[in-house]
N, C-alpha and C. Protein backbone atom coordinates (compact mmCIF):
# COMPACT_ATOMS: atom_id res chain seq x y z
N MET A 1 12.25 4.32 0.42
CA MET A 1 11.41 3.18 0.19
C MET A 1 10.05 3.59 -0.38
N LEU A 2 9.67 4.81 -0.19
CA LEU A 2 8.39 5.28 -0.73
C LEU A 2 8.39 5.19 -2.25
N GLU A 3 9.48 5.58 -2.87
CA GLU A 3 9.55 5.51 -4.33
C GLU A 3 9.53 4.06 -4.81
N TYR A 4 10.14 3.18 -4.06
CA TYR A 4 10.09 1.76 -4.39
C TYR A 4 8.65 1.26 -4.36
N ALA A 5 7.92 1.65 -3.33
CA ALA A 5 6.51 1.25 -3.20
C ALA A 5 5.71 1.74 -4.40
N LYS A 6 5.97 2.97 -4.81
CA LYS A 6 5.25 3.54 -5.94
C LYS A 6 5.62 2.86 -7.26
N THR A 7 6.75 2.21 -7.28
CA THR A 7 7.17 1.47 -8.47
C THR A 7 6.61 0.05 -8.48
N ILE A 8 6.68 -0.62 -7.34
CA ILE A 8 6.33 -2.03 -7.29
C ILE A 8 4.82 -2.28 -7.22
N LEU A 9 4.09 -1.47 -6.50
CA LEU A 9 2.66 -1.74 -6.32
C LEU A 9 1.87 -1.74 -7.62
N PRO A 10 2.10 -0.81 -8.54
CA PRO A 10 1.38 -0.91 -9.81
C PRO A 10 1.73 -2.17 -10.59
N LYS A 11 2.95 -2.65 -10.45
CA LYS A 11 3.39 -3.84 -11.18
C LYS A 11 2.74 -5.12 -10.67
N VAL A 12 2.33 -5.13 -9.41
CA VAL A 12 1.73 -6.34 -8.83
C VAL A 12 0.21 -6.20 -8.65
N SER A 13 -0.34 -5.11 -9.12
CA SER A 13 -1.77 -4.86 -8.89
C SER A 13 -2.69 -5.79 -9.67
N PHE A 14 -2.14 -6.60 -10.57
CA PHE A 14 -2.94 -7.56 -11.31
C PHE A 14 -3.42 -8.72 -10.42
N SER A 15 -2.72 -8.93 -9.30
CA SER A 15 -3.02 -10.06 -8.41
C SER A 15 -3.39 -9.55 -7.02
N ARG A 16 -4.57 -9.92 -6.58
CA ARG A 16 -5.06 -9.50 -5.26
C ARG A 16 -4.11 -9.93 -4.15
N GLU A 17 -3.69 -11.20 -4.16
CA GLU A 17 -2.83 -11.73 -3.10
C GLU A 17 -1.44 -11.10 -3.13
N LEU A 18 -0.90 -10.97 -4.33
CA LEU A 18 0.43 -10.37 -4.46
C LEU A 18 0.42 -8.89 -4.06
N PHE A 19 -0.65 -8.20 -4.44
CA PHE A 19 -0.78 -6.79 -4.07
C PHE A 19 -0.81 -6.65 -2.54
N ARG A 20 -1.62 -7.48 -1.89
CA ARG A 20 -1.71 -7.42 -0.42
C ARG A 20 -0.34 -7.69 0.21
N LYS A 21 0.35 -8.70 -0.27
CA LYS A 21 1.65 -9.07 0.28
C LYS A 21 2.66 -7.94 0.12
N GLU A 22 2.73 -7.37 -1.07
CA GLU A 22 3.69 -6.30 -1.33
C GLU A 22 3.32 -5.01 -0.58
N LEU A 23 2.04 -4.72 -0.49
CA LEU A 23 1.61 -3.55 0.27
C LEU A 23 2.01 -3.70 1.73
N HIS A 24 1.79 -4.87 2.27
CA HIS A 24 2.15 -5.13 3.67
C HIS A 24 3.65 -4.90 3.89
N LYS A 25 4.47 -5.41 2.97
CA LYS A 25 5.92 -5.22 3.08
C LYS A 25 6.28 -3.74 2.96
N CYS A 26 5.66 -3.06 2.02
CA CYS A 26 5.97 -1.63 1.81
C CYS A 26 5.61 -0.80 3.03
N ILE A 27 4.49 -1.12 3.65
CA ILE A 27 4.09 -0.40 4.86
C ILE A 27 5.13 -0.58 5.95
N GLY A 28 5.69 -1.77 6.04
CA GLY A 28 6.71 -2.04 7.04
C GLY A 28 8.04 -1.36 6.74
N TRP A 29 8.33 -1.17 5.48
CA TRP A 29 9.62 -0.58 5.08
C TRP A 29 9.64 0.93 5.11
N VAL A 30 8.53 1.54 4.76
CA VAL A 30 8.50 3.00 4.62
C VAL A 30 8.68 3.65 5.99
N GLU A 31 9.38 4.75 6.01
CA GLU A 31 9.60 5.47 7.27
C GLU A 31 8.28 6.04 7.77
N SER A 32 8.16 6.15 9.07
CA SER A 32 6.89 6.56 9.68
C SER A 32 6.41 7.93 9.19
N ASN A 33 7.35 8.82 8.88
CA ASN A 33 6.94 10.15 8.41
C ASN A 33 6.44 10.12 6.96
N GLN A 34 6.63 8.99 6.27
CA GLN A 34 6.15 8.87 4.89
C GLN A 34 4.91 7.99 4.78
N LEU A 35 4.46 7.46 5.90
CA LEU A 35 3.33 6.53 5.89
C LEU A 35 2.05 7.18 5.39
N GLN A 36 1.79 8.41 5.80
CA GLN A 36 0.58 9.10 5.35
C GLN A 36 0.62 9.36 3.85
N GLU A 37 1.78 9.70 3.35
CA GLU A 37 1.93 9.93 1.91
C GLU A 37 1.69 8.63 1.12
N LEU A 38 2.21 7.51 1.65
CA LEU A 38 1.96 6.22 1.01
C LEU A 38 0.48 5.88 1.03
N SER A 39 -0.16 6.10 2.15
CA SER A 39 -1.59 5.84 2.27
C SER A 39 -2.39 6.67 1.27
N ASP A 40 -2.11 7.96 1.22
CA ASP A 40 -2.82 8.84 0.29
C ASP A 40 -2.63 8.39 -1.15
N TRP A 41 -1.40 8.05 -1.50
CA TRP A 41 -1.09 7.62 -2.86
C TRP A 41 -1.80 6.31 -3.20
N CYS A 42 -1.78 5.37 -2.26
CA CYS A 42 -2.44 4.08 -2.50
C CYS A 42 -3.95 4.24 -2.67
N PHE A 43 -4.57 5.03 -1.81
CA PHE A 43 -6.01 5.21 -1.93
C PHE A 43 -6.36 5.94 -3.22
N LYS A 44 -5.53 6.85 -3.64
CA LYS A 44 -5.77 7.57 -4.89
C LYS A 44 -5.67 6.63 -6.10
N ASN A 45 -4.71 5.72 -6.06
CA ASN A 45 -4.43 4.89 -7.23
C ASN A 45 -5.11 3.52 -7.23
N PHE A 46 -5.45 2.99 -6.06
CA PHE A 46 -5.96 1.62 -6.02
C PHE A 46 -7.28 1.44 -5.27
N ASN A 47 -7.87 2.52 -4.80
CA ASN A 47 -9.10 2.40 -4.03
C ASN A 47 -10.24 1.82 -4.86
N ASP A 48 -10.24 2.07 -6.15
CA ASP A 48 -11.30 1.52 -7.00
C ASP A 48 -11.18 0.01 -7.16
N LYS A 49 -9.97 -0.54 -7.04
CA LYS A 49 -9.74 -1.96 -7.25
C LYS A 49 -9.65 -2.76 -5.95
N TYR A 50 -8.99 -2.20 -4.95
CA TYR A 50 -8.73 -2.93 -3.70
C TYR A 50 -9.08 -2.12 -2.44
N PRO A 51 -10.29 -1.61 -2.33
CA PRO A 51 -10.61 -0.78 -1.16
C PRO A 51 -10.53 -1.53 0.17
N VAL A 52 -10.91 -2.79 0.17
CA VAL A 52 -10.89 -3.57 1.41
C VAL A 52 -9.46 -3.84 1.86
N ILE A 53 -8.61 -4.22 0.92
CA ILE A 53 -7.21 -4.48 1.25
C ILE A 53 -6.55 -3.22 1.80
N LEU A 54 -6.77 -2.10 1.14
CA LEU A 54 -6.18 -0.85 1.62
C LEU A 54 -6.65 -0.51 3.02
N SER A 55 -7.94 -0.60 3.23
CA SER A 55 -8.49 -0.29 4.56
C SER A 55 -7.93 -1.20 5.64
N GLU A 56 -7.87 -2.49 5.33
CA GLU A 56 -7.35 -3.45 6.31
C GLU A 56 -5.87 -3.22 6.61
N GLU A 57 -5.08 -3.07 5.58
CA GLU A 57 -3.63 -2.93 5.78
C GLU A 57 -3.28 -1.62 6.50
N PHE A 58 -3.91 -0.54 6.12
CA PHE A 58 -3.58 0.74 6.77
C PHE A 58 -4.21 0.86 8.14
N SER A 59 -5.31 0.17 8.40
CA SER A 59 -5.88 0.21 9.75
C SER A 59 -5.03 -0.62 10.70
N ASN A 60 -4.37 -1.66 10.19
CA ASN A 60 -3.47 -2.45 11.01
C ASN A 60 -2.27 -1.64 11.49
N VAL A 61 -1.86 -0.67 10.70
CA VAL A 61 -0.74 0.19 11.08
C VAL A 61 -1.13 1.08 12.24
N ALA A 62 -2.34 1.59 12.21
CA ALA A 62 -2.80 2.51 13.25
C ALA A 62 -3.05 1.77 14.56
N ALA A 63 -3.32 0.48 14.47
CA ALA A 63 -3.67 -0.29 15.67
C ALA A 63 -2.48 -0.58 16.54
C-alpha cells in the first residue's frame, strides 16, 4: 500500500480537501512498519504545500 500512496497522493495534491482525505486513508492502509517511511516521504514531497495537514494527520496516528 505504500507504493499506492506514493502514486495517488501526488495526483490529488491539487486539492487540499482531497489530499487530506486520501492521506488519511493511506495512513490507515499502510502497514505499521511502513508508516515512518510514508511520513518521511510525505514531509519531503508535500511539506511546502500542506504542512498543517501533514502534522495533523501524522500526529493523529501517534495519539
